[in-house]
Amino acid sequence: MSSIVSNVPNVGDAFTDLLTMYHEFNPPRVESVDGAPTSLQFARYVAKNQPVVFRGATANWEAVKKWKVGYLKQKMEGRDIKVAMTPFGNADSVVSVNGVDYFVQPHTLEEPFAEFVDYLRAPVEDSTTVKYAQSQDNNLHDEYLPLLSDIPADVGFATEFFEREPDATNIWIGNDRSVTTLHKDHYENLYCQVSGKKNFVILSPLEIACVEERELPTAKYVPDAKGDWKIVPDEPEDWLPGWATVDPDSPLERAGVFWKYSRPLRVTLEPGDMFYLPALWYHKVSQECGEEGVCCAVNYWYDMDFSGLFYSTVWFARTVTPILRDEIKELENNKSELKEGEAVNRTD
């Protein structure tokens, strides 16, 4: 394969060969199977770090049957929850301010559950605020404890295979405007759709150079006196390492030369579906709500296993990525110097 950064073999060649080979030997779509697997069947996907949807695997959950708005408000009566607030539904996202990319976290406050749900269903027409319940801190065992009995304590086949209980069980509640931007987690994720639909865009861990991971200064959305939002850098200054900066739905905004070697996969979850999202896979999530105007999902996080080849291989790809950028910069500088030299020669 010809080099994208020079005419001799280099790190860029090796990396593009790696991605090409990976895509050749792995399916170009997310596999779907009916029903829940056995632990042995599940093990085959984990061993390959391969995502899969188990269609209808949670269709008999009490949550899938009962979690209508009226029921949720009754069960959560009198309870406050943490709510993430942003102007565009873009919590934990990359936003450019005066030419500088920041990792911007949402404004967070606590409010009554019923008030939050009512806002999701009938947001103020000209409001600049999008709300999302995304506290992801094992919140079903704390904030949402009254709902815990409506779901299993764990995912049986996963607990049997991993030989441990989930590290966290979370609930996610939002509407059509709520978006989770591209990121990765150090967990094996069993994501279960309860109401509405979720649209995932995912990329493999090896596509790290494609998603342009960067170290970014951190900031927060802060409301002003008029209710509008401003971005305020954290003080003292803080930095977040290794955050994907490319939006797979608008890649040209920040994509580098390696984006063309990526292969984003897309999958939609319906109520009753369970999605195995392997550790370190990049994922962006958007939502479609039904008649009630609310989307609910539950996920179980199991700690990933750092032993074996997988994590070390991904870490190597992460370590190589800055070298790729340096090669590209060097090539661009060489080309610039060559053009300047040619211009000088033409004037002699």
Protein backbone atom coordinates (compact mmCIF):
# COMPACT_ATOMS: atom_id res chain seq x y z
CA MET A 1 0.00 0.00 0.00
CA SER A 2 1.39 3.40 -0.91
CA SER A 3 2.16 5.73 1.94
CA ILE A 4 -0.13 8.65 2.63
CA VAL A 5 2.69 10.68 4.14
CA SER A 6 5.79 9.79 2.13
CA ASN A 7 7.15 7.52 -0.58
CA VAL A 8 8.84 5.09 1.82
CA PRO A 9 7.36 2.68 4.36
CA ASN A 10 6.57 4.39 7.65
CA VAL A 11 4.18 4.42 10.59
CA GLY A 12 1.39 5.79 8.39
CA ASP A 13 1.68 2.78 6.07
CA ALA A 14 1.59 0.37 8.99
CA PHE A 15 -1.44 2.05 10.50
CA THR A 16 -3.47 2.14 7.29
CA ASP A 17 -2.56 -1.51 6.67
CA LEU A 18 -3.81 -2.33 10.17
CA LEU A 19 -7.17 -0.63 9.58
CA THR A 20 -7.57 -2.14 6.12
CA MET A 21 -6.91 -5.63 7.43
CA TYR A 22 -9.27 -5.13 10.37
CA HIS A 23 -12.11 -4.03 8.11
CA GLU A 24 -11.48 -6.91 5.70
CA PHE A 25 -11.79 -9.53 8.44
CA ASN A 26 -14.68 -8.04 10.41
CA PRO A 27 -18.33 -7.57 9.42
CA PRO A 28 -19.37 -4.25 7.82
CA ARG A 29 -22.51 -4.09 9.96
CA VAL A 30 -23.63 -4.80 13.51
CA GLU A 31 -24.92 -8.36 13.83
CA SER A 32 -28.42 -8.90 15.22
CA VAL A 33 -29.70 -12.13 16.76
CA ASP A 34 -33.05 -12.97 18.28
CA GLY A 35 -33.32 -13.31 22.04
CA ALA A 36 -30.75 -13.49 24.80
CA PRO A 37 -27.65 -15.67 24.29
CA THR A 38 -26.16 -18.27 26.56
CA SER A 39 -22.96 -17.33 28.34
CA LEU A 40 -21.04 -19.47 25.83
CA GLN A 41 -22.64 -17.72 22.86
CA PHE A 42 -21.94 -14.35 24.48
CA ALA A 43 -18.31 -15.33 25.06
CA ARG A 44 -17.76 -15.62 21.31
CA TYR A 45 -18.60 -11.93 20.84
CA VAL A 46 -16.55 -10.79 23.82
CA ALA A 47 -13.53 -12.77 22.62
CA LYS A 48 -13.65 -10.88 19.31
CA ASN A 49 -14.57 -7.51 20.85
CA GLN A 50 -17.53 -7.60 18.44
CA PRO A 51 -20.72 -5.59 19.01
CA VAL A 52 -24.05 -7.37 18.66
CA VAL A 53 -27.74 -6.63 19.23
CA PHE A 54 -29.89 -9.20 21.02
CA ARG A 55 -33.31 -8.34 19.63
CA GLY A 56 -36.17 -8.70 22.11
CA ALA A 57 -33.86 -9.94 24.86
CA THR A 58 -35.51 -7.69 27.48
CA ALA A 59 -39.04 -7.64 26.09
CA ASN A 60 -40.39 -9.35 29.22
CA TRP A 61 -38.85 -6.89 31.67
CA GLU A 62 -41.29 -5.15 33.98
CA ALA A 63 -39.63 -1.88 32.95
CA VAL A 64 -40.41 -2.42 29.26
CA LYS A 65 -44.03 -3.20 30.13
CA LYS A 66 -44.62 -0.51 32.76
CA TRP A 67 -42.38 2.50 32.24
CA LYS A 68 -44.96 4.90 30.92
CA VAL A 69 -44.82 8.52 32.07
CA GLY A 70 -47.65 8.18 34.59
CA TYR A 71 -46.08 5.13 36.21
CA LEU A 72 -42.63 6.71 36.37
CA LYS A 73 -43.96 9.88 38.00
CA GLN A 74 -45.90 7.85 40.54
CA LYS A 75 -42.90 5.69 41.49
CA MET A 76 -40.55 8.70 41.64
CA GLU A 77 -42.97 11.00 43.46
CA GLY A 78 -41.21 13.44 45.76
CA ARG A 79 -37.72 12.59 44.51
CA ASP A 80 -35.16 14.96 43.03
CA ILE A 81 -32.74 13.89 40.30
CA LYS A 82 -29.57 15.29 38.73
CA VAL A 83 -30.27 16.95 35.38
CA ALA A 84 -27.69 17.92 32.74
CA MET A 85 -28.52 21.17 30.91
CA THR A 86 -27.02 22.41 27.63
CA PRO A 87 -28.11 24.67 24.75
CA PHE A 88 -27.95 21.98 22.06
CA GLY A 89 -28.27 18.65 23.89
CA ASN A 90 -24.51 18.33 23.59
CA ALA A 91 -23.34 17.42 27.08
CA ASP A 92 -19.67 16.45 27.37
CA SER A 93 -18.81 17.65 23.89
CA VAL A 94 -16.10 19.45 21.92
CA VAL A 95 -16.98 23.10 21.27
CA SER A 96 -14.77 25.72 19.63
CA VAL A 97 -14.52 29.12 21.34
CA ASN A 98 -12.43 31.82 19.65
CA GLY A 99 -10.55 29.17 17.70
CA VAL A 100 -9.84 26.99 20.75
CA ASP A 101 -11.46 23.57 21.15
CA TYR A 102 -12.78 22.92 24.66
CA PHE A 103 -14.25 19.84 26.29
CA VAL A 104 -17.45 21.39 27.61
CA GLN A 105 -19.44 19.78 30.40
CA PRO A 106 -23.12 20.50 31.05
CA HIS A 107 -24.57 22.70 33.74
CA THR A 108 -25.96 20.30 36.34
CA LEU A 109 -28.64 20.85 38.94
CA GLU A 110 -31.20 18.87 40.90
CA GLU A 111 -34.91 19.20 40.26
CA PRO A 112 -38.06 17.18 40.95
CA PHE A 113 -38.40 14.17 38.67
CA ALA A 114 -41.95 15.10 37.66
CA GLU A 115 -40.87 18.61 36.67
CA PHE A 116 -38.04 17.18 34.56
CA VAL A 117 -40.31 14.73 32.72
CA ASP A 118 -42.92 17.40 32.05
CA TYR A 119 -40.22 19.58 30.48
CA LEU A 120 -39.07 16.72 28.24
CA ARG A 121 -42.60 16.19 26.98
CA ALA A 122 -43.43 19.85 26.39
CA PRO A 123 -40.26 21.96 26.30
CA VAL A 124 -40.69 25.71 26.06
CA GLU A 125 -40.96 26.44 22.34
CA ASP A 126 -38.22 29.05 22.14
CA SER A 127 -36.10 27.63 24.96
CA THR A 128 -32.37 27.35 24.46
CA THR A 129 -32.13 24.63 27.11
CA VAL A 130 -32.02 20.88 26.52
CA LYS A 131 -32.33 18.63 29.57
CA TYR A 132 -31.03 15.07 29.92
CA ALA A 133 -30.81 12.67 32.88
CA GLN A 134 -27.39 11.09 32.41
CA SER A 135 -25.75 10.97 35.84
CA GLN A 136 -24.27 7.50 35.06
CA ASP A 137 -23.00 6.94 38.62
CA ASN A 138 -24.83 3.68 39.35
CA ASN A 139 -27.87 5.92 39.66
CA LEU A 140 -30.47 3.13 39.74
CA HIS A 141 -29.13 2.21 43.17
CA ASP A 142 -29.47 5.79 44.43
CA GLU A 143 -31.48 8.51 42.66
CA TYR A 144 -33.82 6.06 40.94
CA LEU A 145 -34.05 3.41 43.65
CA PRO A 146 -37.88 3.14 43.42
CA LEU A 147 -37.47 1.85 39.84
CA LEU A 148 -34.76 -0.71 40.58
CA SER A 149 -37.15 -3.59 41.22
CA ASP A 150 -38.47 -3.32 37.63
CA ILE A 151 -35.19 -4.55 36.13
CA PRO A 152 -32.98 -7.57 36.81
CA ALA A 153 -30.10 -7.08 39.24
CA ASP A 154 -27.69 -8.08 36.49
CA VAL A 155 -27.48 -9.59 33.02
CA GLY A 156 -27.35 -13.30 33.82
CA PHE A 157 -25.33 -14.54 30.86
CA ALA A 158 -22.85 -11.65 31.22
CA THR A 159 -22.38 -12.12 34.96
CA GLU A 160 -21.79 -15.83 34.40
CA PHE A 161 -19.18 -15.17 31.71
CA PHE A 162 -17.37 -12.24 33.38
CA GLU A 163 -17.60 -13.95 36.79
CA ARG A 164 -18.47 -10.68 38.50
CA GLU A 165 -21.45 -8.44 39.15
CA PRO A 166 -22.00 -5.21 37.19
CA ASP A 167 -19.89 -2.30 38.35
CA ALA A 168 -22.79 0.10 37.71
CA THR A 169 -26.41 0.07 36.59
CA ASN A 170 -27.63 3.34 35.08
CA ILE A 171 -30.82 4.84 33.71
CA TRP A 172 -30.86 7.38 30.87
CA ILE A 173 -33.89 9.61 30.25
CA GLY A 174 -34.21 12.29 27.56
CA ASN A 175 -36.08 13.39 24.46
CA ASP A 176 -35.35 13.81 20.74
CA ARG A 177 -32.97 16.71 21.41
CA SER A 178 -30.66 14.76 23.73
CA VAL A 179 -27.39 13.57 22.19
CA THR A 180 -24.40 11.74 23.62
CA THR A 181 -21.33 12.79 21.64
CA LEU A 182 -18.65 10.40 20.39
CA HIS A 183 -16.65 8.86 23.23
CA LYS A 184 -15.42 5.54 24.60
CA ASP A 185 -15.76 3.76 27.96
CA HIS A 186 -13.49 1.33 29.78
CA TYR A 187 -16.46 -0.98 30.35
CA GLU A 188 -18.21 -3.89 28.71
CA ASN A 189 -21.61 -2.30 28.10
CA LEU A 190 -24.97 -4.09 28.00
CA TYR A 191 -27.34 -1.36 26.85
CA CYS A 192 -31.07 -2.06 27.12
CA GLN A 193 -33.72 0.04 25.39
CA VAL A 194 -36.90 0.50 27.43
CA SER A 195 -38.92 3.14 25.54
CA GLY A 196 -38.34 5.14 22.38
CA LYS A 197 -35.44 4.36 20.04
CA LYS A 198 -31.69 4.89 20.27
CA ASN A 199 -29.49 5.41 17.22
CA PHE A 200 -25.85 4.44 17.70
CA VAL A 201 -22.90 5.34 15.49
CA ILE A 202 -19.90 3.24 16.54
CA LEU A 203 -16.24 2.86 15.55
CA SER A 204 -13.73 0.24 16.63
CA PRO A 205 -10.99 1.03 19.17
CA LEU A 206 -8.36 0.69 16.44
CA GLU A 207 -9.79 3.74 14.64
CA ILE A 208 -8.27 6.06 17.22
CA ALA A 209 -6.33 8.13 14.68
CA CYS A 210 -9.51 8.47 12.59
CA VAL A 211 -11.47 10.12 15.41
CA GLU A 212 -8.66 12.60 16.18
CA GLU A 213 -8.32 12.04 19.91
CA ARG A 214 -6.87 15.14 21.58
CA GLU A 215 -6.01 16.52 24.98
CA LEU A 216 -8.47 19.37 25.53
CA PRO A 217 -8.87 22.17 28.05
CA THR A 218 -12.08 21.77 30.03
CA ALA A 219 -14.97 24.19 30.46
CA LYS A 220 -18.61 24.26 31.53
CA TYR A 221 -21.87 25.68 30.27
CA VAL A 222 -23.03 28.42 32.64
CA PRO A 223 -26.41 30.20 32.41
CA ASP A 224 -26.41 33.99 32.40
CA ALA A 225 -29.02 36.33 33.85
CA LYS A 226 -31.12 36.14 30.66
CA GLY A 227 -31.18 32.35 30.63
CA ASP A 228 -28.76 32.10 27.73
CA TRP A 229 -25.66 29.95 27.88
CA LYS A 230 -21.99 30.86 27.91
CA ILE A 231 -18.92 28.65 27.99
CA VAL A 232 -16.62 29.30 30.93
CA PRO A 233 -13.15 27.65 31.03
CA ASP A 234 -12.40 25.83 34.27
CA GLU A 235 -10.23 27.58 36.85
CA PRO A 236 -7.66 26.52 37.70
CA GLU A 237 -7.04 25.31 34.16
CA ASP A 238 -7.66 21.60 33.67
CA TRP A 239 -7.11 19.28 30.71
CA LEU A 240 -8.87 16.12 29.57
CA PRO A 241 -6.65 13.60 27.74
CA GLY A 242 -7.73 11.35 24.90
CA TRP A 243 -11.14 12.70 23.82
CA ALA A 244 -12.48 12.04 20.30
CA THR A 245 -12.99 15.34 18.47
CA VAL A 246 -14.60 14.14 15.21
CA ASP A 247 -18.38 14.03 14.89
CA PRO A 248 -19.14 10.98 12.70
CA ASP A 249 -22.28 12.72 11.42
CA SER A 250 -20.30 15.85 10.41
CA PRO A 251 -16.76 14.51 10.05
CA LEU A 252 -15.36 17.20 7.78
CA GLU A 253 -15.42 19.78 10.58
CA ARG A 254 -12.42 18.23 12.36
CA ALA A 255 -11.44 15.10 10.42
CA GLY A 256 -7.82 14.50 9.53
CA VAL A 257 -6.28 12.45 6.73
CA PHE A 258 -7.09 9.13 8.42
CA TRP A 259 -10.87 9.60 8.55
CA LYS A 260 -11.21 8.05 5.08
CA TYR A 261 -9.92 4.78 6.55
CA SER A 262 -12.67 4.66 9.18
CA ARG A 263 -15.84 2.60 8.87
CA PRO A 264 -18.58 3.87 11.17
CA LEU A 265 -21.28 1.31 11.90
CA ARG A 266 -24.88 2.26 12.65
CA VAL A 267 -27.55 0.45 14.61
CA THR A 268 -30.99 1.36 15.97
CA LEU A 269 -32.38 -0.11 19.19
CA GLU A 270 -36.10 -0.67 19.70
CA PRO A 271 -37.81 -1.21 23.07
CA GLY A 272 -36.87 -4.67 24.35
CA ASP A 273 -33.51 -4.77 22.54
CA MET A 274 -30.18 -5.31 24.30
CA PHE A 275 -26.95 -4.07 22.72
CA TYR A 276 -23.54 -5.45 23.62
CA LEU A 277 -21.12 -2.56 23.08
CA PRO A 278 -17.61 -3.87 23.76
CA ALA A 279 -15.08 -1.99 25.84
CA LEU A 280 -13.33 1.00 24.23
CA TRP A 281 -15.62 1.20 21.18
CA TYR A 282 -16.34 4.79 20.23
CA HIS A 283 -20.05 5.58 20.20
CA LYS A 284 -22.36 8.51 19.53
CA VAL A 285 -26.01 8.17 20.57
CA SER A 286 -29.13 10.04 19.48
CA GLN A 287 -32.78 9.36 20.26
CA GLU A 288 -36.24 9.11 18.78
CA CYS A 289 -39.17 9.31 21.15
CA GLY A 290 -42.63 7.86 20.77
CA GLU A 291 -46.01 9.36 21.59
CA GLU A 292 -45.10 10.10 25.21
CA GLY A 293 -42.10 12.19 24.17
CA VAL A 294 -39.66 10.45 26.50
CA CYS A 295 -36.86 7.96 25.81
CA CYS A 296 -35.69 5.60 28.55
CA ALA A 297 -32.80 3.15 28.58
CA VAL A 298 -30.88 1.16 31.16
CA ASN A 299 -27.32 -0.04 30.90
CA TYR A 300 -25.09 -2.40 32.87
CA TRP A 301 -21.38 -1.68 33.00
CA TYR A 302 -19.02 -4.58 33.63
CA ASP A 303 -15.35 -3.78 34.25
CA MET A 304 -13.20 -4.63 31.25
CA ASP A 305 -10.34 -7.11 31.49
CA PHE A 306 -7.01 -5.35 30.93
CA SER A 307 -5.02 -8.58 30.63
CA GLY A 308 -4.32 -10.35 27.33
CA LEU A 309 -3.56 -8.71 23.99
CA PHE A 310 -6.54 -6.43 23.45
CA TYR A 311 -5.88 -3.50 25.77
CA SER A 312 -2.15 -3.48 25.03
CA THR A 313 -2.87 -3.39 21.28
CA VAL A 314 -5.26 -0.48 21.63
CA TRP A 315 -2.81 1.36 23.87
CA PHE A 316 -0.11 0.87 21.23
CA ALA A 317 -2.41 2.38 18.58
CA ARG A 318 -3.01 5.32 20.91
CA THR A 319 0.73 5.77 21.46
CA VAL A 320 1.44 5.68 17.73
CA THR A 321 -1.18 8.30 16.85
CA PRO A 322 0.94 11.35 17.83
CA ILE A 323 3.79 9.94 15.72
CA LEU A 324 1.42 9.83 12.74
CA ARG A 325 0.54 13.47 13.28
CA ASP A 326 4.23 14.39 13.47
CA GLU A 327 4.89 12.58 10.17
CA ILE A 328 2.07 14.47 8.50
CA LYS A 329 3.31 17.81 9.84
CA GLU A 330 6.82 17.02 8.62
CA LEU A 331 5.51 16.16 5.17
CA GLU A 332 3.48 19.37 5.03
CA ASN A 333 6.51 21.40 6.09
CA ASN A 334 8.67 19.68 3.47
CA LYS A 335 6.09 20.38 0.78
CA SER A 336 5.90 24.01 1.84
CA GLU A 337 9.69 24.37 1.75
CA LEU A 338 9.80 22.67 -1.65
CA LYS A 339 7.22 25.09 -3.08
CA GLU A 340 9.11 28.05 -1.66
CA GLY A 341 12.33 26.75 -3.21
CA GLU A 342 10.66 26.27 -6.59
CA ALA A 343 9.31 29.81 -6.42
CA VAL A 344 12.77 31.18 -5.68
CA ASN A 345 14.28 29.20 -8.57
CA ARG A 346 11.70 30.57 -10.99
CA THR A 347 12.62 34.13 -10.06
CA ASP A 348 16.39 33.58 -10.46
